Amino acid sequence: MNPEDEALGRSRGGFSTKLHIACDGKGRPLCVVLTPGQRHGSTQLEGVLDAVRIPRPEGSPGRPRKRPAHLLADRGYSFESCRRLLRRRGISHTIPERKDQKERRERHPGRRPGFDREAYRRRNVVERCVNRLKQWHGVATRYEKRAVNYRAMVVIAALMMWLPS
């Protein structure tokens, strides 16, 4: 069994798994991708976007949308490759620049990426979504040996978040 295949990564504390989540504006998960804990989030952006299925409003016909209207992400996704992927897919985004990018632009002026401060304030919805998922003990502490079992636990917790209160 390869730890990479089971979304297990080594850290000083032992094995770890990272959840990459896309959620809607109400904090409900749209998709979950598992990776080893040491894997950087920006490498999984394409996989997360491929897994997104946005449900249509009640009563409207058609299949779920596969493309979000807007994406909010933190500085970890502030790479040209991520921005290029989002432009190619026609997804508007709000991603703050990293400090080194700002300094480089001061030395070599150019067009800076647009940044909507008001829209970025809503990014905490994703953090709250992760927090609500981690309230489930089985999600917060991974006891499952197999990645498919752990993902099933996360999906069940996500489904519970979609149920009306």
C-alpha atoms as a PDB file:
ATOM      1  CA  MET A   1       0.000   0.000   0.000  1.00  0.00           C
ATOM      2  CA  ASN A   2       1.458   3.332  -1.092  1.00  0.00           C
ATOM      3  CA  PRO A   3       0.791   6.169   1.426  1.00  0.00           C
ATOM      4  CA  GLU A   4       0.384   8.618  -1.494  1.00  0.00           C
ATOM      5  CA  ASP A   5      -2.528   6.565  -2.834  1.00  0.00           C
ATOM      6  CA  GLU A   6      -4.190   6.619   0.582  1.00  0.00           C
ATOM      7  CA  ALA A   7      -3.806  10.419   0.995  1.00  0.00           C
ATOM      8  CA  LEU A   8      -1.350   9.974   3.867  1.00  0.00           C
ATOM      9  CA  GLY A   9       1.534  12.383   4.273  1.00  0.00           C
ATOM     10  CA  ARG A  10       4.318  12.371   6.839  1.00  0.00           C
ATOM     11  CA  SER A  11       4.773  15.245   9.257  1.00  0.00           C
ATOM     12  CA  ARG A  12       6.569  15.590  12.583  1.00  0.00           C
ATOM     13  CA  GLY A  13       3.367  14.590  14.366  1.00  0.00           C
ATOM     14  CA  GLY A  14       2.844  11.494  12.227  1.00  0.00           C
ATOM     15  CA  PHE A  15       0.579  10.883   9.268  1.00  0.00           C
ATOM     16  CA  SER A  16      -1.667  13.686   8.023  1.00  0.00           C
ATOM     17  CA  THR A  17      -4.314  14.229   5.360  1.00  0.00           C
ATOM     18  CA  LYS A  18      -5.390  17.519   3.815  1.00  0.00           C
ATOM     19  CA  LEU A  19      -8.964  18.325   2.768  1.00  0.00           C
ATOM     20  CA  HIS A  20      -9.372  20.561  -0.288  1.00  0.00           C
ATOM     21  CA  ILE A  21     -12.930  21.879  -0.258  1.00  0.00           C
ATOM     22  CA  ALA A  22     -15.042  24.073  -2.520  1.00  0.00           C
ATOM     23  CA  CYS A  23     -18.231  25.390  -0.960  1.00  0.00           C
ATOM     24  CA  ASP A  24     -21.145  27.589  -1.938  1.00  0.00           C
ATOM     25  CA  GLY A  25     -21.960  31.009  -0.478  1.00  0.00           C
ATOM     26  CA  LYS A  26     -23.909  29.412   2.374  1.00  0.00           C
ATOM     27  CA  GLY A  27     -20.953  27.322   3.536  1.00  0.00           C
ATOM     28  CA  ARG A  28     -22.181  23.995   2.162  1.00  0.00           C
ATOM     29  CA  PRO A  29     -19.498  21.772   0.607  1.00  0.00           C
ATOM     30  CA  LEU A  30     -19.703  21.255  -3.155  1.00  0.00           C
ATOM     31  CA  CYS A  31     -16.743  18.882  -3.448  1.00  0.00           C
ATOM     32  CA  VAL A  32     -13.972  17.344  -1.364  1.00  0.00           C
ATOM     33  CA  VAL A  33     -10.544  16.221  -2.581  1.00  0.00           C
ATOM     34  CA  LEU A  34      -8.094  14.388  -0.278  1.00  0.00           C
ATOM     35  CA  THR A  35      -4.311  14.632  -0.545  1.00  0.00           C
ATOM     36  CA  PRO A  36      -1.326  13.831   1.684  1.00  0.00           C
ATOM     37  CA  GLY A  37      -0.813  16.499   4.337  1.00  0.00           C
ATOM     38  CA  GLN A  38       2.385  17.930   2.877  1.00  0.00           C
ATOM     39  CA  ARG A  39       0.858  18.541  -0.599  1.00  0.00           C
ATOM     40  CA  HIS A  40       0.391  22.224  -1.462  1.00  0.00           C
ATOM     41  CA  GLY A  41      -3.173  23.381  -2.043  1.00  0.00           C
ATOM     42  CA  SER A  42      -2.480  25.140  -5.336  1.00  0.00           C
ATOM     43  CA  THR A  43      -1.553  21.832  -6.986  1.00  0.00           C
ATOM     44  CA  GLN A  44      -5.097  20.581  -6.385  1.00  0.00           C
ATOM     45  CA  LEU A  45      -7.021  23.565  -7.774  1.00  0.00           C
ATOM     46  CA  GLU A  46      -7.757  21.862 -11.084  1.00  0.00           C
ATOM     47  CA  GLY A  47      -8.921  18.669  -9.352  1.00  0.00           C
ATOM     48  CA  VAL A  48     -11.237  20.615  -7.066  1.00  0.00           C
ATOM     49  CA  LEU A  49     -12.689  22.593  -9.983  1.00  0.00           C
ATOM     50  CA  ASP A  50     -13.231  19.363 -11.949  1.00  0.00           C
ATOM     51  CA  ALA A  51     -15.167  17.870  -9.022  1.00  0.00           C
ATOM     52  CA  VAL A  52     -17.498  20.871  -8.548  1.00  0.00           C
ATOM     53  CA  ARG A  53     -21.172  20.332  -9.360  1.00  0.00           C
ATOM     54  CA  ILE A  54     -23.337  23.346  -8.493  1.00  0.00           C
ATOM     55  CA  PRO A  55     -26.990  22.370  -8.046  1.00  0.00           C
ATOM     56  CA  ARG A  56     -29.612  24.297 -10.001  1.00  0.00           C
ATOM     57  CA  PRO A  57     -32.215  26.288  -8.061  1.00  0.00           C
ATOM     58  CA  GLU A  58     -35.335  24.386  -7.042  1.00  0.00           C
ATOM     59  CA  GLY A  59     -37.621  23.809 -10.004  1.00  0.00           C
ATOM     60  CA  SER A  60     -35.220  24.913 -12.738  1.00  0.00           C
ATOM     61  CA  PRO A  61     -34.458  22.292 -15.405  1.00  0.00           C
ATOM     62  CA  GLY A  62     -31.068  21.078 -16.508  1.00  0.00           C
ATOM     63  CA  ARG A  63     -27.911  19.489 -15.244  1.00  0.00           C
ATOM     64  CA  PRO A  64     -25.821  20.925 -12.421  1.00  0.00           C
ATOM     65  CA  ARG A  65     -23.367  23.640 -13.421  1.00  0.00           C
ATOM     66  CA  LYS A  66     -19.707  22.650 -13.452  1.00  0.00           C
ATOM     67  CA  ARG A  67     -18.271  26.148 -13.343  1.00  0.00           C
ATOM     68  CA  PRO A  68     -18.543  28.479 -10.346  1.00  0.00           C
ATOM     69  CA  ALA A  69     -19.458  32.103 -11.012  1.00  0.00           C
ATOM     70  CA  HIS A  70     -16.661  33.414  -8.786  1.00  0.00           C
ATOM     71  CA  LEU A  71     -13.782  31.889  -6.818  1.00  0.00           C
ATOM     72  CA  LEU A  72     -12.328  33.247  -3.581  1.00  0.00           C
ATOM     73  CA  ALA A  73      -8.947  31.853  -2.525  1.00  0.00           C
ATOM     74  CA  ASP A  74      -6.156  32.757  -0.127  1.00  0.00           C
ATOM     75  CA  ARG A  75      -2.551  33.697  -0.909  1.00  0.00           C
ATOM     76  CA  GLY A  76      -1.612  30.035  -1.251  1.00  0.00           C
ATOM     77  CA  TYR A  77      -3.298  30.065  -4.667  1.00  0.00           C
ATOM     78  CA  SER A  78      -1.612  33.276  -5.838  1.00  0.00           C
ATOM     79  CA  PHE A  79       0.405  31.685  -8.634  1.00  0.00           C
ATOM     80  CA  GLU A  80       0.345  32.550 -12.310  1.00  0.00           C
ATOM     81  CA  SER A  81      -0.545  28.928 -13.125  1.00  0.00           C
ATOM     82  CA  CYS A  82      -3.664  29.135 -10.923  1.00  0.00           C
ATOM     83  CA  ARG A  83      -4.721  32.476 -12.391  1.00  0.00           C
ATOM     84  CA  ARG A  84      -4.122  31.166 -15.928  1.00  0.00           C
ATOM     85  CA  LEU A  85      -6.261  28.075 -15.216  1.00  0.00           C
ATOM     86  CA  LEU A  86      -9.110  30.240 -13.909  1.00  0.00           C
ATOM     87  CA  ARG A  87      -8.895  32.608 -16.903  1.00  0.00           C
ATOM     88  CA  ARG A  88      -8.895  29.659 -19.319  1.00  0.00           C
ATOM     89  CA  ARG A  89     -12.071  28.314 -17.688  1.00  0.00           C
ATOM     90  CA  GLY A  90     -13.716  31.742 -17.615  1.00  0.00           C
ATOM     91  CA  ILE A  91     -13.971  31.901 -13.810  1.00  0.00           C
ATOM     92  CA  SER A  92     -13.649  35.308 -12.192  1.00  0.00           C
ATOM     93  CA  HIS A  93     -11.569  35.214  -9.017  1.00  0.00           C
ATOM     94  CA  THR A  94     -10.407  37.203  -6.024  1.00  0.00           C
ATOM     95  CA  ILE A  95      -6.955  36.125  -4.853  1.00  0.00           C
ATOM     96  CA  PRO A  96      -4.635  38.475  -2.924  1.00  0.00           C
ATOM     97  CA  GLU A  97      -1.049  38.866  -4.084  1.00  0.00           C
ATOM     98  CA  ARG A  98       1.815  37.417  -2.073  1.00  0.00           C
ATOM     99  CA  LYS A  99       4.352  39.825  -0.624  1.00  0.00           C
ATOM    100  CA  ASP A 100       7.124  38.739  -3.013  1.00  0.00           C
ATOM    101  CA  GLN A 101       4.817  39.332  -5.997  1.00  0.00           C
ATOM    102  CA  LYS A 102       4.121  42.893  -4.819  1.00  0.00           C
ATOM    103  CA  GLU A 103       7.847  43.578  -4.387  1.00  0.00           C
ATOM    104  CA  ARG A 104       8.667  42.129  -7.817  1.00  0.00           C
ATOM    105  CA  ARG A 105       5.976  44.296  -9.423  1.00  0.00           C
ATOM    106  CA  GLU A 106       7.474  47.408  -7.786  1.00  0.00           C
ATOM    107  CA  ARG A 107      10.809  46.624  -9.476  1.00  0.00           C
ATOM    108  CA  HIS A 108       9.201  45.618 -12.792  1.00  0.00           C
ATOM    109  CA  PRO A 109       5.937  47.550 -13.074  1.00  0.00           C
ATOM    110  CA  GLY A 110       3.055  45.939 -14.848  1.00  0.00           C
ATOM    111  CA  ARG A 111      -0.657  45.416 -14.626  1.00  0.00           C
ATOM    112  CA  ARG A 112      -1.551  44.107 -11.199  1.00  0.00           C
ATOM    113  CA  PRO A 113      -4.291  41.524 -10.794  1.00  0.00           C
ATOM    114  CA  GLY A 114      -7.654  42.904  -9.736  1.00  0.00           C
ATOM    115  CA  PHE A 115      -8.526  42.468  -6.080  1.00  0.00           C
ATOM    116  CA  ASP A 116     -11.971  43.094  -4.600  1.00  0.00           C
ATOM    117  CA  ARG A 117     -11.525  43.642  -0.864  1.00  0.00           C
ATOM    118  CA  GLU A 118     -15.275  43.410  -0.164  1.00  0.00           C
ATOM    119  CA  ALA A 119     -15.592  40.085  -1.974  1.00  0.00           C
ATOM    120  CA  TYR A 120     -12.512  38.703  -0.195  1.00  0.00           C
ATOM    121  CA  ARG A 121     -14.153  39.263   3.185  1.00  0.00           C
ATOM    122  CA  ARG A 122     -16.587  36.469   2.327  1.00  0.00           C
ATOM    123  CA  ARG A 123     -13.741  33.930   2.093  1.00  0.00           C
ATOM    124  CA  ASN A 124     -14.268  33.040   5.738  1.00  0.00           C
ATOM    125  CA  VAL A 125     -17.307  31.032   4.597  1.00  0.00           C
ATOM    126  CA  VAL A 126     -14.884  28.312   3.450  1.00  0.00           C
ATOM    127  CA  GLU A 127     -13.048  28.380   6.790  1.00  0.00           C
ATOM    128  CA  ARG A 128     -16.357  28.035   8.632  1.00  0.00           C
ATOM    129  CA  CYS A 129     -17.321  25.140   6.343  1.00  0.00           C
ATOM    130  CA  VAL A 130     -14.099  23.298   7.230  1.00  0.00           C
ATOM    131  CA  ASN A 131     -14.705  24.098  10.904  1.00  0.00           C
ATOM    132  CA  ARG A 132     -18.210  22.617  10.744  1.00  0.00           C
ATOM    133  CA  LEU A 133     -16.883  19.483   9.023  1.00  0.00           C
ATOM    134  CA  LYS A 134     -14.188  19.083  11.682  1.00  0.00           C
ATOM    135  CA  GLN A 135     -16.853  19.112  14.409  1.00  0.00           C
ATOM    136  CA  TRP A 136     -17.393  15.501  13.396  1.00  0.00           C
ATOM    137  CA  HIS A 137     -14.874  13.534  15.441  1.00  0.00           C
ATOM    138  CA  GLY A 138     -14.285  11.021  12.647  1.00  0.00           C
ATOM    139  CA  VAL A 139     -13.392  13.829  10.225  1.00  0.00           C
ATOM    140  CA  ALA A 140     -11.225  15.823  12.640  1.00  0.00           C
ATOM    141  CA  THR A 141      -9.104  12.807  13.610  1.00  0.00           C
ATOM    142  CA  ARG A 142      -8.621  10.363  10.795  1.00  0.00           C
ATOM    143  CA  TYR A 143      -8.788   6.849  12.205  1.00  0.00           C
ATOM    144  CA  GLU A 144      -9.578   5.173   8.881  1.00  0.00           C
ATOM    145  CA  LYS A 145      -6.709   3.396   7.213  1.00  0.00           C
ATOM    146  CA  ARG A 146      -8.132   3.647   3.694  1.00  0.00           C
ATOM    147  CA  ALA A 147      -8.681   6.958   1.905  1.00  0.00           C
ATOM    148  CA  VAL A 148     -12.014   5.806   0.420  1.00  0.00           C
ATOM    149  CA  ASN A 149     -13.386   5.157   3.917  1.00  0.00           C
ATOM    150  CA  TYR A 150     -12.207   8.539   5.194  1.00  0.00           C
ATOM    151  CA  ARG A 151     -13.627  10.318   2.148  1.00  0.00           C
ATOM    152  CA  ALA A 152     -16.943   8.533   2.727  1.00  0.00           C
ATOM    153  CA  MET A 153     -16.956   9.875   6.302  1.00  0.00           C
ATOM    154  CA  VAL A 154     -16.292  13.415   5.021  1.00  0.00           C
ATOM    155  CA  VAL A 155     -19.026  13.093   2.367  1.00  0.00           C
ATOM    156  CA  ILE A 156     -21.548  11.925   4.992  1.00  0.00           C
ATOM    157  CA  ALA A 157     -20.676  14.928   7.158  1.00  0.00           C
ATOM    158  CA  ALA A 158     -21.027  17.191   4.092  1.00  0.00           C
ATOM    159  CA  LEU A 159     -24.426  15.679   3.273  1.00  0.00           C
ATOM    160  CA  MET A 160     -25.587  16.386   6.816  1.00  0.00           C
ATOM    161  CA  MET A 161     -24.664  20.037   6.272  1.00  0.00           C
ATOM    162  CA  TRP A 162     -26.941  20.119   3.196  1.00  0.00           C
ATOM    163  CA  LEU A 163     -29.972  18.809   5.099  1.00  0.00           C
ATOM    164  CA  PRO A 164     -32.416  21.462   6.311  1.00  0.00           C
ATOM    165  CA  SER A 165     -32.139  22.152  10.030  1.00  0.00           C
END
